Amino acid sequence: MTTAAVPGARPGRTKAFLRLVMIEHSVFALPFAYIAALTAMYEEDRSVHWWTLLLVTVCMVGLRTFAMAVNRIIDREIDARNPRTAQRELVTGAMSVRHAWVGALVALVVFLGAAALLNPLCLALAPVAVVPMVVYPYGKRFTNFPQAILGLAQAMGPVGGWLAVSGAWSWDAVVLGLAVGVWIGGFDLIYACQDVDSDRETGVGSVPARFGVPAAVWGARVCHVVTTALLVWYALLTDAGAFFWVGLVIVAAAFCYEHTIVRPGDLSRLNRAFFTVNGFIGIALFVCALLDLLVRGLTP
């Protein structure tokens, strides 16, 4: 018998918790926090502040881990009634609710501790960042637009990354944050399409369940056009160079590909669009943004 199968075996609980929060999905939002932080460093003194960058990483992963754990805890009864999610750890018993709460609270403490080490403004605003993370899982219970709450939560990443460096508010970061929020809200519209029958049966609110899959897919397309426009605005605000613009072309091409393989009448490649394409978008734009900043004079 493996340790993962023994109740109370710490290695098994740790692995179950990491599966519960899907830790690997940090790749979606983390690159954009890095873009904001590195741009702020470039504008401040053109030097990479490695300690600050590490704390930004800890903040992002800590807050996301807390959000995912709370989401799974709050949604465990809904997950149990959905065939797609019925194998999640809190449904099957691979992880207890108590242990999930312990993991969530540890992640929250880590987030708040890292925010405190950054600067007073980050610590003061940290609770504000927590609120939409807790509200989001309840959103599907009182609105058909929970993706809007998710987008708001994700928009805070780049804003926080910039604040971590400058200690001051930046509207440039807000534009980048809005781009990220609209982007993630858009592809969550696509992701929700696979649960449309279950959501209607259990009374869960979502755009696909309320308005249909075609409306959700078209809504995602509009979101990604808006995302591209916001990224162009951010590039203009920050006087981005050639490499960043190349990154925007790559992002636009990836969006076109995503919406070619996912259509209202064919969701068979939805997971490829959600996991592979969207993961690629974040990494590709980050690499291009980093190259652009280095060429313009950012010193590692």
Protein backbone atom coordinates (compact mmCIF):
# COMPACT_ATOMS: atom_id res chain seq x y z
CA MET A 1 0.00 0.00 0.00
CA THR A 2 1.38 3.43 -0.92
CA THR A 3 1.61 6.27 1.56
CA ALA A 4 -0.92 8.19 -0.55
CA ALA A 5 -3.52 5.59 0.35
CA VAL A 6 -2.93 5.70 4.09
CA PRO A 7 -5.19 8.16 5.93
CA GLY A 8 -3.05 10.76 7.62
CA ALA A 9 0.10 10.00 5.61
CA ARG A 10 1.63 13.42 5.04
CA PRO A 11 3.19 12.76 1.57
CA GLY A 12 -0.20 11.54 0.32
CA ARG A 13 -2.02 14.57 1.71
CA THR A 14 0.50 16.93 0.15
CA LYS A 15 0.15 15.34 -3.27
CA ALA A 16 -3.63 15.34 -2.98
CA PHE A 17 -3.63 19.02 -2.02
CA LEU A 18 -1.41 19.94 -4.97
CA ARG A 19 -3.77 18.05 -7.27
CA LEU A 20 -6.72 19.75 -5.59
CA VAL A 21 -5.42 23.26 -6.33
CA MET A 22 -3.96 22.31 -9.74
CA ILE A 23 -0.71 24.05 -8.86
CA GLU A 24 0.58 23.75 -12.43
CA HIS A 25 -2.09 26.18 -13.64
CA SER A 26 -0.17 29.06 -12.07
CA VAL A 27 1.33 29.37 -15.56
CA PHE A 28 -1.77 31.23 -16.73
CA ALA A 29 -1.51 34.38 -14.61
CA LEU A 30 2.06 34.37 -13.24
CA PRO A 31 3.78 35.50 -16.50
CA PHE A 32 1.67 38.67 -16.58
CA ALA A 33 2.60 39.57 -13.01
CA TYR A 34 6.23 39.18 -14.10
CA ILE A 35 5.67 41.43 -17.12
CA ALA A 36 4.23 44.15 -14.87
CA ALA A 37 6.95 43.79 -12.22
CA LEU A 38 9.80 43.79 -14.72
CA THR A 39 8.38 46.78 -16.58
CA ALA A 40 8.15 48.66 -13.29
CA MET A 41 11.77 47.73 -12.55
CA TYR A 42 12.80 48.98 -15.98
CA GLU A 43 11.05 52.30 -15.39
CA GLU A 44 12.48 52.63 -11.88
CA ASP A 45 16.21 51.94 -12.37
CA ARG A 46 16.51 49.44 -15.25
CA SER A 47 17.67 46.69 -12.87
CA VAL A 48 16.05 43.38 -11.96
CA HIS A 49 15.32 43.20 -8.23
CA TRP A 50 15.53 39.47 -7.69
CA TRP A 51 14.28 39.47 -4.10
CA THR A 52 11.20 41.44 -5.10
CA LEU A 53 10.59 39.10 -8.03
CA LEU A 54 10.79 36.11 -5.68
CA LEU A 55 8.27 37.71 -3.31
CA VAL A 56 5.95 38.45 -6.24
CA THR A 57 6.14 34.75 -7.15
CA VAL A 58 5.35 33.70 -3.58
CA CYS A 59 2.42 36.14 -3.43
CA MET A 60 0.94 34.96 -6.71
CA VAL A 61 1.27 31.25 -5.99
CA GLY A 62 0.12 31.68 -2.39
CA LEU A 63 -3.00 33.67 -3.29
CA ARG A 64 -3.89 31.40 -6.20
CA THR A 65 -3.45 28.30 -4.03
CA PHE A 66 -5.72 29.79 -1.38
CA ALA A 67 -8.31 30.72 -4.02
CA MET A 68 -8.34 27.27 -5.63
CA ALA A 69 -8.57 25.47 -2.30
CA VAL A 70 -11.47 27.65 -1.12
CA ASN A 71 -13.15 27.20 -4.49
CA ARG A 72 -12.95 23.42 -4.21
CA ILE A 73 -14.17 23.46 -0.60
CA ILE A 74 -17.18 25.66 -1.31
CA ASP A 75 -18.07 23.82 -4.53
CA ARG A 76 -17.61 20.26 -3.27
CA GLU A 77 -21.34 19.47 -3.25
CA ILE A 78 -21.81 20.89 -6.74
CA ASP A 79 -18.75 18.95 -7.91
CA ALA A 80 -20.25 15.74 -6.56
CA ARG A 81 -23.30 16.17 -8.82
CA ASN A 82 -21.26 16.85 -11.97
CA PRO A 83 -19.82 13.75 -13.74
CA ARG A 84 -16.79 15.76 -14.93
CA THR A 85 -15.81 16.87 -11.43
CA ALA A 86 -17.04 13.91 -9.38
CA GLN A 87 -13.48 12.55 -9.08
CA ARG A 88 -12.06 15.64 -7.41
CA GLU A 89 -10.24 15.00 -4.16
CA LEU A 90 -12.81 16.46 -1.77
CA VAL A 91 -15.58 14.44 -3.44
CA THR A 92 -13.77 11.10 -3.43
CA GLY A 93 -12.32 11.56 0.05
CA ALA A 94 -8.70 11.62 -1.12
CA MET A 95 -8.49 14.83 0.91
CA SER A 96 -10.60 15.86 3.88
CA VAL A 97 -12.24 19.26 4.14
CA ARG A 98 -10.25 19.94 7.29
CA HIS A 99 -6.93 19.32 5.56
CA ALA A 100 -8.02 21.42 2.59
CA TRP A 101 -8.80 24.30 4.96
CA VAL A 102 -5.40 23.90 6.62
CA GLY A 103 -3.69 24.09 3.22
CA ALA A 104 -5.80 27.10 2.22
CA LEU A 105 -5.00 28.99 5.42
CA VAL A 106 -1.29 28.21 5.18
CA ALA A 107 -1.31 29.56 1.61
CA LEU A 108 -3.13 32.69 2.80
CA VAL A 109 -0.58 33.29 5.56
CA VAL A 110 2.25 32.84 3.05
CA PHE A 111 0.59 35.37 0.73
CA LEU A 112 0.08 37.95 3.48
CA GLY A 113 3.61 37.41 4.79
CA ALA A 114 5.16 37.95 1.36
CA ALA A 115 2.98 41.06 0.83
CA ALA A 116 4.21 42.44 4.16
CA LEU A 117 7.82 41.95 3.08
CA LEU A 118 7.22 43.89 -0.13
CA ASN A 119 5.93 47.28 1.03
CA PRO A 120 3.15 48.80 3.21
CA LEU A 121 0.82 49.44 0.26
CA CYS A 122 0.96 45.79 -0.83
CA LEU A 123 0.11 44.67 2.69
CA ALA A 124 -2.71 47.20 3.00
CA LEU A 125 -4.27 46.11 -0.30
CA ALA A 126 -3.70 42.37 0.21
CA PRO A 127 -7.11 41.80 1.86
CA VAL A 128 -8.76 43.51 -1.12
CA ALA A 129 -7.18 40.91 -3.40
CA VAL A 130 -8.55 38.10 -1.23
CA VAL A 131 -12.21 39.20 -1.45
CA PRO A 132 -12.99 38.22 -5.09
CA MET A 133 -11.17 34.92 -4.57
CA VAL A 134 -13.74 34.00 -1.92
CA VAL A 135 -16.73 35.56 -3.69
CA TYR A 136 -16.06 33.80 -7.02
CA PRO A 137 -17.18 30.26 -6.04
CA TYR A 138 -20.42 31.73 -4.68
CA GLY A 139 -20.93 33.69 -7.88
CA LYS A 140 -22.48 30.80 -9.76
CA ARG A 141 -25.16 30.66 -7.07
CA PHE A 142 -26.47 34.21 -7.59
CA THR A 143 -25.42 35.27 -11.11
CA ASN A 144 -25.13 33.87 -14.61
CA PHE A 145 -21.83 35.71 -15.03
CA PRO A 146 -19.36 34.16 -12.55
CA GLN A 147 -16.64 34.57 -15.19
CA ALA A 148 -16.79 38.32 -14.60
CA ILE A 149 -15.87 37.78 -10.95
CA LEU A 150 -13.07 35.43 -11.98
CA GLY A 151 -11.78 38.05 -14.40
CA LEU A 152 -11.75 40.68 -11.67
CA ALA A 153 -9.80 38.35 -9.39
CA GLN A 154 -7.23 37.57 -12.07
CA ALA A 155 -6.86 41.24 -13.06
CA MET A 156 -5.23 41.94 -9.72
CA GLY A 157 -2.09 39.96 -10.54
CA PRO A 158 -0.36 42.49 -12.81
CA VAL A 159 -1.50 45.38 -10.62
CA GLY A 160 0.02 43.68 -7.60
CA GLY A 161 3.22 42.92 -9.50
CA TRP A 162 3.68 46.60 -10.33
CA LEU A 163 2.80 47.73 -6.80
CA ALA A 164 5.36 45.29 -5.41
CA VAL A 165 8.12 47.16 -7.22
CA SER A 166 7.01 50.78 -7.17
CA GLY A 167 4.89 50.95 -4.04
CA ALA A 168 2.59 53.28 -5.98
CA TRP A 169 -0.54 52.95 -8.10
CA SER A 170 -0.09 52.56 -11.87
CA TRP A 171 -2.80 52.89 -14.51
CA ASP A 172 -0.48 51.15 -16.96
CA ALA A 173 -0.66 48.09 -14.71
CA VAL A 174 -4.45 48.43 -14.52
CA VAL A 175 -4.67 48.21 -18.32
CA LEU A 176 -2.51 45.06 -18.30
CA GLY A 177 -4.60 43.68 -15.45
CA LEU A 178 -7.82 44.29 -17.37
CA ALA A 179 -6.31 42.49 -20.37
CA VAL A 180 -5.53 39.47 -18.20
CA GLY A 181 -8.95 39.52 -16.53
CA VAL A 182 -10.87 39.72 -19.81
CA TRP A 183 -8.62 37.02 -21.33
CA ILE A 184 -9.12 34.54 -18.48
CA GLY A 185 -12.81 35.36 -18.18
CA GLY A 186 -13.11 34.71 -21.91
CA PHE A 187 -11.50 31.31 -21.93
CA ASP A 188 -13.46 30.33 -18.81
CA LEU A 189 -16.58 30.98 -20.88
CA ILE A 190 -15.33 28.29 -23.25
CA TYR A 191 -14.39 25.94 -20.42
CA ALA A 192 -17.87 26.26 -18.86
CA CYS A 193 -19.45 24.96 -22.06
CA GLN A 194 -18.60 21.37 -21.17
CA ASP A 195 -20.79 21.60 -18.02
CA VAL A 196 -23.86 23.13 -19.61
CA ASP A 197 -26.15 20.11 -19.09
CA SER A 198 -25.05 19.54 -15.51
CA ASP A 199 -25.29 23.25 -14.67
CA ARG A 200 -28.85 23.45 -15.97
CA GLU A 201 -29.84 20.33 -14.05
CA THR A 202 -28.35 21.52 -10.75
CA GLY A 203 -29.24 25.20 -11.10
CA VAL A 204 -25.65 26.45 -11.39
CA GLY A 205 -25.43 29.84 -13.07
CA SER A 206 -23.23 30.31 -16.14
CA VAL A 207 -23.38 31.98 -19.52
CA PRO A 208 -23.58 28.66 -21.44
CA ALA A 209 -26.32 27.35 -19.14
CA ARG A 210 -28.37 30.55 -19.39
CA PHE A 211 -27.76 31.69 -22.96
CA GLY A 212 -26.44 28.56 -24.72
CA VAL A 213 -23.06 27.33 -25.96
CA PRO A 214 -23.02 29.47 -29.15
CA ALA A 215 -23.49 32.65 -27.08
CA ALA A 216 -20.68 31.61 -24.73
CA VAL A 217 -18.27 30.87 -27.59
CA TRP A 218 -19.05 34.16 -29.29
CA GLY A 219 -18.71 35.93 -25.95
CA ALA A 220 -15.25 34.41 -25.57
CA ARG A 221 -14.30 35.63 -29.04
CA VAL A 222 -15.36 39.17 -28.14
CA CYS A 223 -13.41 38.93 -24.89
CA HIS A 224 -10.26 37.94 -26.73
CA VAL A 225 -10.60 40.75 -29.25
CA VAL A 226 -10.91 43.14 -26.29
CA THR A 227 -7.89 41.47 -24.66
CA THR A 228 -5.80 42.07 -27.76
CA ALA A 229 -6.88 45.71 -27.88
CA LEU A 230 -5.98 46.20 -24.22
CA LEU A 231 -2.55 44.63 -24.76
CA VAL A 232 -1.97 47.02 -27.66
CA TRP A 233 -2.97 49.91 -25.37
CA TYR A 234 -0.54 48.67 -22.72
CA ALA A 235 2.24 48.47 -25.31
CA LEU A 236 1.60 52.07 -26.33
CA LEU A 237 1.45 53.29 -22.71
CA THR A 238 4.79 51.69 -21.86
CA ASP A 239 6.54 52.54 -25.15
CA ALA A 240 7.12 48.85 -25.82
CA GLY A 241 9.67 47.86 -28.43
CA ALA A 242 9.70 45.47 -31.36
CA PHE A 243 9.90 42.22 -29.39
CA PHE A 244 6.77 43.04 -27.40
CA TRP A 245 4.88 43.79 -30.60
CA VAL A 246 6.05 40.44 -31.99
CA GLY A 247 4.60 38.89 -28.85
CA LEU A 248 1.28 40.56 -29.52
CA VAL A 249 1.20 39.12 -33.03
CA ILE A 250 1.85 35.66 -31.54
CA VAL A 251 -0.94 36.16 -29.01
CA ALA A 252 -3.38 37.26 -31.71
CA ALA A 253 -2.45 34.23 -33.82
CA ALA A 254 -2.94 31.93 -30.82
CA PHE A 255 -6.38 33.42 -30.19
CA CYS A 256 -7.31 32.82 -33.83
CA TYR A 257 -6.13 29.22 -33.58
CA GLU A 258 -8.02 28.70 -30.30
CA HIS A 259 -11.26 29.87 -31.83
CA THR A 260 -10.66 27.78 -34.93
CA ILE A 261 -10.47 24.53 -32.98
CA VAL A 262 -13.35 25.38 -30.60
CA ARG A 263 -16.68 26.06 -32.25
CA PRO A 264 -20.25 26.01 -30.93
CA GLY A 265 -20.93 22.68 -32.61
CA ASP A 266 -17.56 21.08 -31.82
CA LEU A 267 -16.08 21.13 -28.32
CA SER A 268 -13.97 18.01 -28.81
CA ARG A 269 -10.71 19.99 -28.63
CA LEU A 270 -11.75 22.22 -25.75
CA ASN A 271 -9.05 20.93 -23.40
CA ARG A 272 -6.35 21.66 -25.98
CA ALA A 273 -7.62 25.21 -26.28
CA PHE A 274 -7.96 25.70 -22.54
CA PHE A 275 -4.74 24.15 -21.26
CA THR A 276 -2.27 24.12 -24.14
CA VAL A 277 -3.10 27.29 -26.07
CA ASN A 278 -3.74 29.52 -23.07
CA GLY A 279 -0.63 28.28 -21.28
CA PHE A 280 1.35 29.06 -24.43
CA ILE A 281 -0.11 32.58 -24.65
CA GLY A 282 1.14 33.60 -21.22
CA ILE A 283 4.61 32.14 -21.65
CA ALA A 284 5.06 33.46 -25.20
CA LEU A 285 4.12 37.02 -24.29
CA PHE A 286 6.32 36.93 -21.19
CA VAL A 287 9.35 35.75 -23.19
CA CYS A 288 8.81 38.46 -25.79
CA ALA A 289 8.27 41.14 -23.13
CA LEU A 290 11.42 40.06 -21.29
CA LEU A 291 13.49 40.15 -24.49
CA ASP A 292 12.09 43.58 -25.25
CA LEU A 293 13.03 44.93 -21.82
CA LEU A 294 16.52 43.42 -22.01
CA VAL A 295 17.14 44.91 -25.44
CA ARG A 296 15.95 48.30 -24.16
CA GLY A 297 18.39 48.20 -21.27
CA LEU A 298 17.01 46.15 -18.37
CA THR A 299 19.97 44.74 -16.43
CA PRO A 300 19.62 41.29 -14.82
